[in-house]
PDB file of N, CA and C in Angstrom:
ATOM      1  N   MET A   1      29.125  16.048   7.444  1.00  0.00           N
ATOM      2  CA  MET A   1      29.704  15.714   6.164  1.00  0.00           C
ATOM      3  C   MET A   1      29.353  14.272   5.783  1.00  0.00           C
ATOM      4  N   ALA A   2      29.407  13.366   6.767  1.00  0.00           N
ATOM      5  CA  ALA A   2      29.090  11.961   6.500  1.00  0.00           C
ATOM      6  C   ALA A   2      27.622  11.809   6.130  1.00  0.00           C
ATOM      7  N   ALA A   3      26.746  12.580   6.762  1.00  0.00           N
ATOM      8  CA  ALA A   3      25.322  12.501   6.437  1.00  0.00           C
ATOM      9  C   ALA A   3      25.066  12.981   5.014  1.00  0.00           C
ATOM     10  N   CYS A   4      25.744  14.041   4.607  1.00  0.00           N
ATOM     11  CA  CYS A   4      25.584  14.545   3.236  1.00  0.00           C
ATOM     12  C   CYS A   4      26.075  13.522   2.213  1.00  0.00           C
ATOM     13  N   LEU A   5      27.186  12.875   2.514  1.00  0.00           N
ATOM     14  CA  LEU A   5      27.708  11.868   1.595  1.00  0.00           C
ATOM     15  C   LEU A   5      26.805  10.643   1.529  1.00  0.00           C
ATOM     16  N   SER A   6      26.229  10.245   2.659  1.00  0.00           N
ATOM     17  CA  SER A   6      25.358   9.071   2.646  1.00  0.00           C
ATOM     18  C   SER A   6      24.058   9.357   1.913  1.00  0.00           C
ATOM     19  N   LEU A   7      23.588  10.604   1.963  1.00  0.00           N
ATOM     20  CA  LEU A   7      22.359  10.954   1.250  1.00  0.00           C
ATOM     21  C   LEU A   7      22.598  11.170  -0.244  1.00  0.00           C
ATOM     22  N   SER A   8      23.822  11.348  -0.641  1.00  0.00           N
ATOM     23  CA  SER A   8      24.095  11.619  -2.047  1.00  0.00           C
ATOM     24  C   SER A   8      23.957  10.381  -2.932  1.00  0.00           C
ATOM     25  N   PHE A   9      23.871   9.211  -2.347  1.00  0.00           N
ATOM     26  CA  PHE A   9      23.780   7.994  -3.141  1.00  0.00           C
ATOM     27  C   PHE A   9      22.371   7.408  -3.171  1.00  0.00           C
ATOM     28  N   ILE A  10      21.395   8.115  -2.630  1.00  0.00           N
ATOM     29  CA  ILE A  10      20.011   7.651  -2.628  1.00  0.00           C
ATOM     30  C   ILE A  10      19.301   8.281  -3.826  1.00  0.00           C
ATOM     31  N   PRO A  11      18.792   7.470  -4.770  1.00  0.00           N
ATOM     32  CA  PRO A  11      18.118   8.051  -5.935  1.00  0.00           C
ATOM     33  C   PRO A  11      16.731   8.572  -5.572  1.00  0.00           C
ATOM     34  N   VAL A  12      16.369   9.701  -6.146  1.00  0.00           N
ATOM     35  CA  VAL A  12      15.062  10.304  -5.946  1.00  0.00           C
ATOM     36  C   VAL A  12      14.502  10.582  -7.331  1.00  0.00           C
ATOM     37  N   GLN A  13      13.248  10.201  -7.546  1.00  0.00           N
ATOM     38  CA  GLN A  13      12.657  10.402  -8.855  1.00  0.00           C
ATOM     39  C   GLN A  13      12.014  11.774  -8.929  1.00  0.00           C
ATOM     40  N   SER A  14      12.287  12.479  -9.999  1.00  0.00           N
ATOM     41  CA  SER A  14      11.672  13.772 -10.237  1.00  0.00           C
ATOM     42  C   SER A  14      10.416  13.547 -11.060  1.00  0.00           C
ATOM     43  N   PHE A  15       9.276  13.959 -10.542  1.00  0.00           N
ATOM     44  CA  PHE A  15       8.007  13.710 -11.215  1.00  0.00           C
ATOM     45  C   PHE A  15       7.613  14.841 -12.166  1.00  0.00           C
ATOM     46  N   ALA A  16       8.446  15.847 -12.306  1.00  0.00           N
ATOM     47  CA  ALA A  16       8.089  16.994 -13.131  1.00  0.00           C
ATOM     48  C   ALA A  16       8.040  16.645 -14.608  1.00  0.00           C
ATOM     49  N   SER A  17       8.835  15.704 -15.062  1.00  0.00           N
ATOM     50  CA  SER A  17       8.902  15.439 -16.492  1.00  0.00           C
ATOM     51  C   SER A  17       8.095  14.216 -16.918  1.00  0.00           C
ATOM     52  N   ILE A  18       7.380  13.602 -16.009  1.00  0.00           N
ATOM     53  CA  ILE A  18       6.590  12.424 -16.379  1.00  0.00           C
ATOM     54  C   ILE A  18       5.326  12.872 -17.101  1.00  0.00           C
ATOM     55  N   ALA A  19       5.119  12.320 -18.269  1.00  0.00           N
ATOM     56  CA  ALA A  19       3.951  12.670 -19.066  1.00  0.00           C
ATOM     57  C   ALA A  19       2.705  12.025 -18.476  1.00  0.00           C
ATOM     58  N   ALA A  20       1.564  12.516 -18.884  1.00  0.00           N
ATOM     59  CA  ALA A  20       0.296  11.954 -18.437  1.00  0.00           C
ATOM     60  C   ALA A  20       0.173  10.532 -18.953  1.00  0.00           C
ATOM     61  N   PRO A  21      -0.503   9.656 -18.204  1.00  0.00           N
ATOM     62  CA  PRO A  21      -0.643   8.276 -18.674  1.00  0.00           C
ATOM     63  C   PRO A  21      -1.421   8.203 -19.981  1.00  0.00           C
ATOM     64  N   ILE A  22      -1.140   7.185 -20.745  1.00  0.00           N
ATOM     65  CA  ILE A  22      -1.778   7.009 -22.048  1.00  0.00           C
ATOM     66  C   ILE A  22      -3.226   6.607 -21.842  1.00  0.00           C
ATOM     67  N   ASN A  23      -4.122   7.316 -22.486  1.00  0.00           N
ATOM     68  CA  ASN A  23      -5.532   6.972 -22.457  1.00  0.00           C
ATOM     69  C   ASN A  23      -5.770   5.967 -23.576  1.00  0.00           C
ATOM     70  N   LEU A  24      -5.955   4.705 -23.218  1.00  0.00           N
ATOM     71  CA  LEU A  24      -6.090   3.668 -24.240  1.00  0.00           C
ATOM     72  C   LEU A  24      -7.422   3.758 -24.969  1.00  0.00           C
ATOM     73  N   GLY A  25      -8.368   4.524 -24.461  1.00  0.00           N
ATOM     74  CA  GLY A  25      -9.632   4.709 -25.154  1.00  0.00           C
ATOM     75  C   GLY A  25      -9.491   5.613 -26.363  1.00  0.00           C
ATOM     76  N   ASP A  26      -8.505   6.503 -26.361  1.00  0.00           N
ATOM     77  CA  ASP A  26      -8.260   7.401 -27.471  1.00  0.00           C
ATOM     78  C   ASP A  26      -7.387   6.680 -28.490  1.00  0.00           C
ATOM     79  N   LYS A  27      -7.962   6.270 -29.604  1.00  0.00           N
ATOM     80  CA  LYS A  27      -7.250   5.454 -30.596  1.00  0.00           C
ATOM     81  C   LYS A  27      -6.460   6.295 -31.587  1.00  0.00           C
ATOM     82  N   ASN A  28      -6.539   7.613 -31.499  1.00  0.00           N
ATOM     83  CA  ASN A  28      -5.911   8.459 -32.513  1.00  0.00           C
ATOM     84  C   ASN A  28      -4.443   8.740 -32.245  1.00  0.00           C
ATOM     85  N   THR A  29      -4.016   8.673 -31.009  1.00  0.00           N
ATOM     86  CA  THR A  29      -2.620   8.999 -30.711  1.00  0.00           C
ATOM     87  C   THR A  29      -1.719   7.825 -31.081  1.00  0.00           C
ATOM     88  N   PRO A  30      -0.551   8.109 -31.614  1.00  0.00           N
ATOM     89  CA  PRO A  30       0.364   7.020 -31.987  1.00  0.00           C
ATOM     90  C   PRO A  30       0.799   6.184 -30.787  1.00  0.00           C
ATOM     91  N   ALA A  31       0.937   6.812 -29.618  1.00  0.00           N
ATOM     92  CA  ALA A  31       1.336   6.070 -28.426  1.00  0.00           C
ATOM     93  C   ALA A  31       0.260   5.072 -28.020  1.00  0.00           C
ATOM     94  N   ALA A  32      -1.003   5.467 -28.125  1.00  0.00           N
ATOM     95  CA  ALA A  32      -2.105   4.566 -27.770  1.00  0.00           C
ATOM     96  C   ALA A  32      -2.199   3.411 -28.751  1.00  0.00           C
ATOM     97  N   VAL A  33      -1.974   3.681 -30.022  1.00  0.00           N
ATOM     98  CA  VAL A  33      -2.006   2.622 -31.036  1.00  0.00           C
ATOM     99  C   VAL A  33      -0.899   1.608 -30.770  1.00  0.00           C
ATOM    100  N   LYS A  34       0.294   2.126 -30.463  1.00  0.00           N
ATOM    101  CA  LYS A  34       1.427   1.250 -30.195  1.00  0.00           C
ATOM    102  C   LYS A  34       1.197   0.433 -28.919  1.00  0.00           C
ATOM    103  N   ALA A  35       0.645   1.077 -27.880  1.00  0.00           N
ATOM    104  CA  ALA A  35       0.372   0.374 -26.626  1.00  0.00           C
ATOM    105  C   ALA A  35      -0.680  -0.717 -26.832  1.00  0.00           C
ATOM    106  N   ASN A  36      -1.709  -0.419 -27.615  1.00  0.00           N
ATOM    107  CA  ASN A  36      -2.736  -1.429 -27.899  1.00  0.00           C
ATOM    108  C   ASN A  36      -2.155  -2.601 -28.672  1.00  0.00           C
ATOM    109  N   ALA A  37      -1.263  -2.329 -29.624  1.00  0.00           N
ATOM    110  CA  ALA A  37      -0.635  -3.406 -30.393  1.00  0.00           C
ATOM    111  C   ALA A  37       0.216  -4.289 -29.480  1.00  0.00           C
ATOM    112  N   ILE A  38       0.941  -3.660 -28.559  1.00  0.00           N
ATOM    113  CA  ILE A  38       1.765  -4.430 -27.625  1.00  0.00           C
ATOM    114  C   ILE A  38       0.891  -5.271 -26.712  1.00  0.00           C
ATOM    115  N   LEU A  39      -0.197  -4.700 -26.206  1.00  0.00           N
ATOM    116  CA  LEU A  39      -1.094  -5.449 -25.324  1.00  0.00           C
ATOM    117  C   LEU A  39      -1.752  -6.619 -26.052  1.00  0.00           C
ATOM    118  N   LEU A  40      -2.106  -6.428 -27.317  1.00  0.00           N
ATOM    119  CA  LEU A  40      -2.679  -7.527 -28.102  1.00  0.00           C
ATOM    120  C   LEU A  40      -1.659  -8.646 -28.286  1.00  0.00           C
ATOM    121  N   ARG A  41      -0.420  -8.283 -28.560  1.00  0.00           N
ATOM    122  CA  ARG A  41       0.634  -9.300 -28.742  1.00  0.00           C
ATOM    123  C   ARG A  41       0.896 -10.042 -27.439  1.00  0.00           C
ATOM    124  N   ILE A  42       0.871  -9.344 -26.310  1.00  0.00           N
ATOM    125  CA  ILE A  42       1.070  -9.993 -25.009  1.00  0.00           C
ATOM    126  C   ILE A  42      -0.044 -10.994 -24.740  1.00  0.00           C
ATOM    127  N   ASN A  43      -1.291 -10.602 -25.014  1.00  0.00           N
ATOM    128  CA  ASN A  43      -2.413 -11.524 -24.822  1.00  0.00           C
ATOM    129  C   ASN A  43      -2.323 -12.715 -25.768  1.00  0.00           C
ATOM    130  N   GLU A  44      -1.859 -12.479 -26.986  1.00  0.00           N
ATOM    131  CA  GLU A  44      -1.691 -13.561 -27.955  1.00  0.00           C
ATOM    132  C   GLU A  44      -0.651 -14.570 -27.462  1.00  0.00           C
ATOM    133  N   ILE A  45       0.442 -14.085 -26.910  1.00  0.00           N
ATOM    134  CA  ILE A  45       1.489 -14.969 -26.398  1.00  0.00           C
ATOM    135  C   ILE A  45       0.997 -15.728 -25.175  1.00  0.00           C
ATOM    136  N   LYS A  46       0.247 -15.049 -24.297  1.00  0.00           N
ATOM    137  CA  LYS A  46      -0.268 -15.722 -23.094  1.00  0.00           C
ATOM    138  C   LYS A  46      -1.249 -16.833 -23.442  1.00  0.00           C
ATOM    139  N   ASN A  47      -2.045 -16.640 -24.494  1.00  0.00           N
ATOM    140  CA  ASN A  47      -3.039 -17.638 -24.880  1.00  0.00           C
ATOM    141  C   ASN A  47      -2.451 -18.735 -25.771  1.00  0.00           C
ATOM    142  N   MET A  48      -1.200 -18.616 -26.143  1.00  0.00           N
ATOM    143  CA  MET A  48      -0.553 -19.569 -27.038  1.00  0.00           C
ATOM    144  C   MET A  48      -0.285 -20.897 -26.311  1.00  0.00           C
ATOM    145  N   ASP A  49      -0.397 -21.999 -27.051  1.00  0.00           N
ATOM    146  CA  ASP A  49      -0.051 -23.311 -26.508  1.00  0.00           C
ATOM    147  C   ASP A  49       1.461 -23.488 -26.610  1.00  0.00           C
ATOM    148  N   LYS A  50       2.113 -23.457 -25.466  1.00  0.00           N
ATOM    149  CA  LYS A  50       3.580 -23.490 -25.445  1.00  0.00           C
ATOM    150  C   LYS A  50       4.145 -24.891 -25.205  1.00  0.00           C
ATOM    151  N   SER A  51       3.285 -25.886 -25.128  1.00  0.00           N
ATOM    152  CA  SER A  51       3.763 -27.233 -24.812  1.00  0.00           C
ATOM    153  C   SER A  51       4.558 -27.862 -25.955  1.00  0.00           C
ATOM    154  N   ASN A  52       4.278 -27.464 -27.179  1.00  0.00           N
ATOM    155  CA  ASN A  52       4.992 -28.073 -28.308  1.00  0.00           C
ATOM    156  C   ASN A  52       6.107 -27.179 -28.865  1.00  0.00           C
ATOM    157  N   LEU A  53       6.489 -26.132 -28.134  1.00  0.00           N
ATOM    158  CA  LEU A  53       7.578 -25.258 -28.565  1.00  0.00           C
ATOM    159  C   LEU A  53       8.919 -25.792 -28.073  1.00  0.00           C
ATOM    160  N   THR A  54       9.958 -25.507 -28.829  1.00  0.00           N
ATOM    161  CA  THR A  54      11.297 -25.893 -28.390  1.00  0.00           C
ATOM    162  C   THR A  54      11.787 -24.888 -27.346  1.00  0.00           C
ATOM    163  N   SER A  55      12.867 -25.243 -26.682  1.00  0.00           N
ATOM    164  CA  SER A  55      13.386 -24.357 -25.637  1.00  0.00           C
ATOM    165  C   SER A  55      13.874 -23.031 -26.219  1.00  0.00           C
ATOM    166  N   SER A  56      14.419 -23.052 -27.426  1.00  0.00           N
ATOM    167  CA  SER A  56      14.876 -21.799 -28.040  1.00  0.00           C
ATOM    168  C   SER A  56      13.692 -20.902 -28.405  1.00  0.00           C
ATOM    169  N   ASP A  57      12.562 -21.522 -28.829  1.00  0.00           N
ATOM    170  CA  ASP A  57      11.361 -20.738 -29.113  1.00  0.00           C
ATOM    171  C   ASP A  57      10.802 -20.109 -27.840  1.00  0.00           C
ATOM    172  N   LYS A  58      10.802 -20.881 -26.761  1.00  0.00           N
ATOM    173  CA  LYS A  58      10.319 -20.354 -25.479  1.00  0.00           C
ATOM    174  C   LYS A  58      11.210 -19.210 -25.004  1.00  0.00           C
ATOM    175  N   LYS A  59      12.509 -19.360 -25.199  1.00  0.00           N
ATOM    176  CA  LYS A  59      13.448 -18.313 -24.795  1.00  0.00           C
ATOM    177  C   LYS A  59      13.212 -17.045 -25.609  1.00  0.00           C
ATOM    178  N   ALA A  60      12.953 -17.211 -26.907  1.00  0.00           N
ATOM    179  CA  ALA A  60      12.673 -16.057 -27.763  1.00  0.00           C
ATOM    180  C   ALA A  60      11.393 -15.354 -27.334  1.00  0.00           C
ATOM    181  N   LEU A  61      10.368 -16.131 -26.947  1.00  0.00           N
ATOM    182  CA  LEU A  61       9.125 -15.538 -26.465  1.00  0.00           C
ATOM    183  C   LEU A  61       9.342 -14.779 -25.162  1.00  0.00           C
ATOM    184  N   ARG A  62      10.162 -15.332 -24.258  1.00  0.00           N
ATOM    185  CA  ARG A  62      10.458 -14.642 -22.994  1.00  0.00           C
ATOM    186  C   ARG A  62      11.183 -13.330 -23.254  1.00  0.00           C
ATOM    187  N   LYS A  63      12.133 -13.347 -24.183  1.00  0.00           N
ATOM    188  CA  LYS A  63      12.851 -12.113 -24.523  1.00  0.00           C
ATOM    189  C   LYS A  63      11.901 -11.078 -25.121  1.00  0.00           C
ATOM    190  N   GLU A  64      10.998 -11.542 -25.983  1.00  0.00           N
ATOM    191  CA  GLU A  64      10.037 -10.625 -26.595  1.00  0.00           C
ATOM    192  C   GLU A  64       9.117 -10.016 -25.542  1.00  0.00           C
ATOM    193  N   LEU A  65       8.627 -10.852 -24.616  1.00  0.00           N
ATOM    194  CA  LEU A  65       7.762 -10.347 -23.547  1.00  0.00           C
ATOM    195  C   LEU A  65       8.508  -9.356 -22.659  1.00  0.00           C
ATOM    196  N   HIS A  66       9.764  -9.675 -22.365  1.00  0.00           N
ATOM    197  CA  HIS A  66      10.557  -8.779 -21.526  1.00  0.00           C
ATOM    198  C   HIS A  66      10.753  -7.421 -22.202  1.00  0.00           C
ATOM    199  N   SER A  67      11.050  -7.425 -23.496  1.00  0.00           N
ATOM    200  CA  SER A  67      11.262  -6.154 -24.195  1.00  0.00           C
ATOM    201  C   SER A  67       9.963  -5.356 -24.294  1.00  0.00           C
ATOM    202  N   MET A  68       8.831  -6.033 -24.517  1.00  0.00           N
ATOM    203  CA  MET A  68       7.551  -5.335 -24.581  1.00  0.00           C
ATOM    204  C   MET A  68       7.172  -4.762 -23.213  1.00  0.00           C
ATOM    205  N   LYS A  69       7.448  -5.518 -22.161  1.00  0.00           N
ATOM    206  CA  LYS A  69       7.167  -5.053 -20.803  1.00  0.00           C
ATOM    207  C   LYS A  69       8.004  -3.819 -20.490  1.00  0.00           C
ATOM    208  N   HIS A  70       9.275  -3.854 -20.890  1.00  0.00           N
ATOM    209  CA  HIS A  70      10.160  -2.712 -20.679  1.00  0.00           C
ATOM    210  C   HIS A  70       9.678  -1.496 -21.463  1.00  0.00           C
ATOM    211  N   GLU A  71       9.204  -1.709 -22.674  1.00  0.00           N
ATOM    212  CA  GLU A  71       8.729  -0.608 -23.507  1.00  0.00           C
ATOM    213  C   GLU A  71       7.461   0.024 -22.940  1.00  0.00           C
ATOM    214  N   LEU A  72       6.575  -0.798 -22.378  1.00  0.00           N
ATOM    215  CA  LEU A  72       5.353  -0.258 -21.778  1.00  0.00           C
ATOM    216  C   LEU A  72       5.654   0.506 -20.496  1.00  0.00           C
ATOM    217  N   ARG A  73       6.652   0.062 -19.746  1.00  0.00           N
ATOM    218  CA  ARG A  73       6.971   0.711 -18.479  1.00  0.00           C
ATOM    219  C   ARG A  73       7.751   2.006 -18.640  1.00  0.00           C
ATOM    220  N   SER A  74       8.439   2.149 -19.762  1.00  0.00           N
ATOM    221  CA  SER A  74       9.271   3.346 -19.912  1.00  0.00           C
ATOM    222  C   SER A  74       8.377   4.575 -19.934  1.00  0.00           C
ATOM    223  N   ASN A  75       8.659   5.498 -19.006  1.00  0.00           N
ATOM    224  CA  ASN A  75       7.825   6.680 -18.894  1.00  0.00           C
ATOM    225  C   ASN A  75       8.622   7.963 -19.032  1.00  0.00           C
ATOM    226  N   GLY A  76       9.894   7.863 -19.270  1.00  0.00           N
ATOM    227  CA  GLY A  76      10.692   9.058 -19.480  1.00  0.00           C
ATOM    228  C   GLY A  76      10.993   9.841 -18.228  1.00  0.00           C
ATOM    229  N   GLY A  77      10.924   9.207 -17.079  1.00  0.00           N
ATOM    230  CA  GLY A  77      11.202   9.900 -15.826  1.00  0.00           C
ATOM    231  C   GLY A  77      12.678  10.222 -15.672  1.00  0.00           C
ATOM    232  N   VAL A  78      12.949  11.227 -14.880  1.00  0.00           N
ATOM    233  CA  VAL A  78      14.321  11.632 -14.623  1.00  0.00           C
ATOM    234  C   VAL A  78      14.642  11.282 -13.177  1.00  0.00           C
ATOM    235  N   TYR A  79      15.741  10.577 -12.957  1.00  0.00           N
ATOM    236  CA  TYR A  79      16.146  10.187 -11.624  1.00  0.00           C
ATOM    237  C   TYR A  79      17.351  11.021 -11.201  1.00  0.00           C
ATOM    238  N   LEU A  80      17.224  11.677 -10.067  1.00  0.00           N
ATOM    239  CA  LEU A  80      18.308  12.483  -9.520  1.00  0.00           C
ATOM    240  C   LEU A  80      18.573  12.040  -8.095  1.00  0.00           C
ATOM    241  N   SER A  81      19.827  11.922  -7.756  1.00  0.00           N
ATOM    242  CA  SER A  81      20.160  11.598  -6.375  1.00  0.00           C
ATOM    243  C   SER A  81      20.106  12.872  -5.543  1.00  0.00           C
ATOM    244  N   VAL A  82      20.018  12.708  -4.242  1.00  0.00           N
ATOM    245  CA  VAL A  82      19.964  13.853  -3.346  1.00  0.00           C
ATOM    246  C   VAL A  82      21.257  14.649  -3.449  1.00  0.00           C
ATOM    247  N   GLY A  83      22.373  13.961  -3.589  1.00  0.00           N
ATOM    248  CA  GLY A  83      23.658  14.638  -3.741  1.00  0.00           C
ATOM    249  C   GLY A  83      23.698  15.493  -4.985  1.00  0.00           C
ATOM    250  N   ALA A  84      23.142  14.984  -6.085  1.00  0.00           N
ATOM    251  CA  ALA A  84      23.116  15.760  -7.328  1.00  0.00           C
ATOM    252  C   ALA A  84      22.247  17.001  -7.161  1.00  0.00           C
ATOM    253  N   ILE A  85      21.147  16.863  -6.445  1.00  0.00           N
ATOM    254  CA  ILE A  85      20.273  18.013  -6.202  1.00  0.00           C
ATOM    255  C   ILE A  85      20.998  19.052  -5.358  1.00  0.00           C
ATOM    256  N   ILE A  86      21.728  18.611  -4.338  1.00  0.00           N
ATOM    257  CA  ILE A  86      22.477  19.538  -3.483  1.00  0.00           C
ATOM    258  C   ILE A  86      23.554  20.255  -4.296  1.00  0.00           C
ATOM    259  N   ILE A  87      24.258  19.529  -5.149  1.00  0.00           N
ATOM    260  CA  ILE A  87      25.293  20.143  -5.985  1.00  0.00           C
ATOM    261  C   ILE A  87      24.683  21.158  -6.940  1.00  0.00           C
ATOM    262  N   ILE A  88      23.559  20.834  -7.530  1.00  0.00           N
ATOM    263  CA  ILE A  88      22.884  21.765  -8.443  1.00  0.00           C
ATOM    264  C   ILE A  88      22.474  23.031  -7.703  1.00  0.00           C
ATOM    265  N   ILE A  89      21.909  22.859  -6.510  1.00  0.00           N
ATOM    266  CA  ILE A  89      21.494  24.026  -5.718  1.00  0.00           C
ATOM    267  C   ILE A  89      22.701  24.878  -5.352  1.00  0.00           C
ATOM    268  N   LEU A  90      23.798  24.237  -4.936  1.00  0.00           N
ATOM    269  CA  LEU A  90      25.003  24.991  -4.597  1.00  0.00           C
ATOM    270  C   LEU A  90      25.566  25.738  -5.801  1.00  0.00           C
ATOM    271  N   LEU A  91      25.570  25.103  -6.957  1.00  0.00           N
ATOM    272  CA  LEU A  91      26.034  25.778  -8.180  1.00  0.00           C
ATOM    273  C   LEU A  91      25.143  26.958  -8.530  1.00  0.00           C
ATOM    274  N   LEU A  92      23.837  26.797  -8.372  1.00  0.00           N
ATOM    275  CA  LEU A  92      22.920  27.906  -8.659  1.00  0.00           C
ATOM    276  C   LEU A  92      23.164  29.070  -7.693  1.00  0.00           C
ATOM    277  N   ILE A  93      23.393  28.755  -6.425  1.00  0.00           N
ATOM    278  CA  ILE A  93      23.655  29.805  -5.443  1.00  0.00           C
ATOM    279  C   ILE A  93      24.960  30.529  -5.773  1.00  0.00           C
ATOM    280  N   LEU A  94      25.993  29.786  -6.129  1.00  0.00           N
ATOM    281  CA  LEU A  94      27.278  30.388  -6.439  1.00  0.00           C
ATOM    282  C   LEU A  94      27.237  31.217  -7.723  1.00  0.00           C
ATOM    283  N   LEU A  95      26.521  30.745  -8.719  1.00  0.00           N
ATOM    284  CA  LEU A  95      26.475  31.450  -9.994  1.00  0.00           C
ATOM    285  C   LEU A  95      25.521  32.647  -9.979  1.00  0.00           C
ATOM    286  N   LEU A  96      24.505  32.579  -9.149  1.00  0.00           N
ATOM    287  CA  LEU A  96      23.536  33.689  -9.111  1.00  0.00           C
ATOM    288  C   LEU A  96      23.824  34.513  -7.932  1.00  0.00           C
TER     289      LEU A  96
END
């Protein structure tokens, strides 16, 4: 019982719902266009001279980079713990 409870809090990623990676060479898809725009903005910020910016401007740039990084990383994956998987299996067995 203790082993089942300890395994129920470990997250496991389900790879079934992850979409194929974006092919940046294909310019027709809206996702590729958006990803290219984000990558261009990231390169623009990296090449920017930040020595004459105020601290609030630098903070705003860091927030913008963080949000763009988060948006690029989001892949729509589903995370299930082992305990949740066991409960789902038990419910399926009981109902079927």
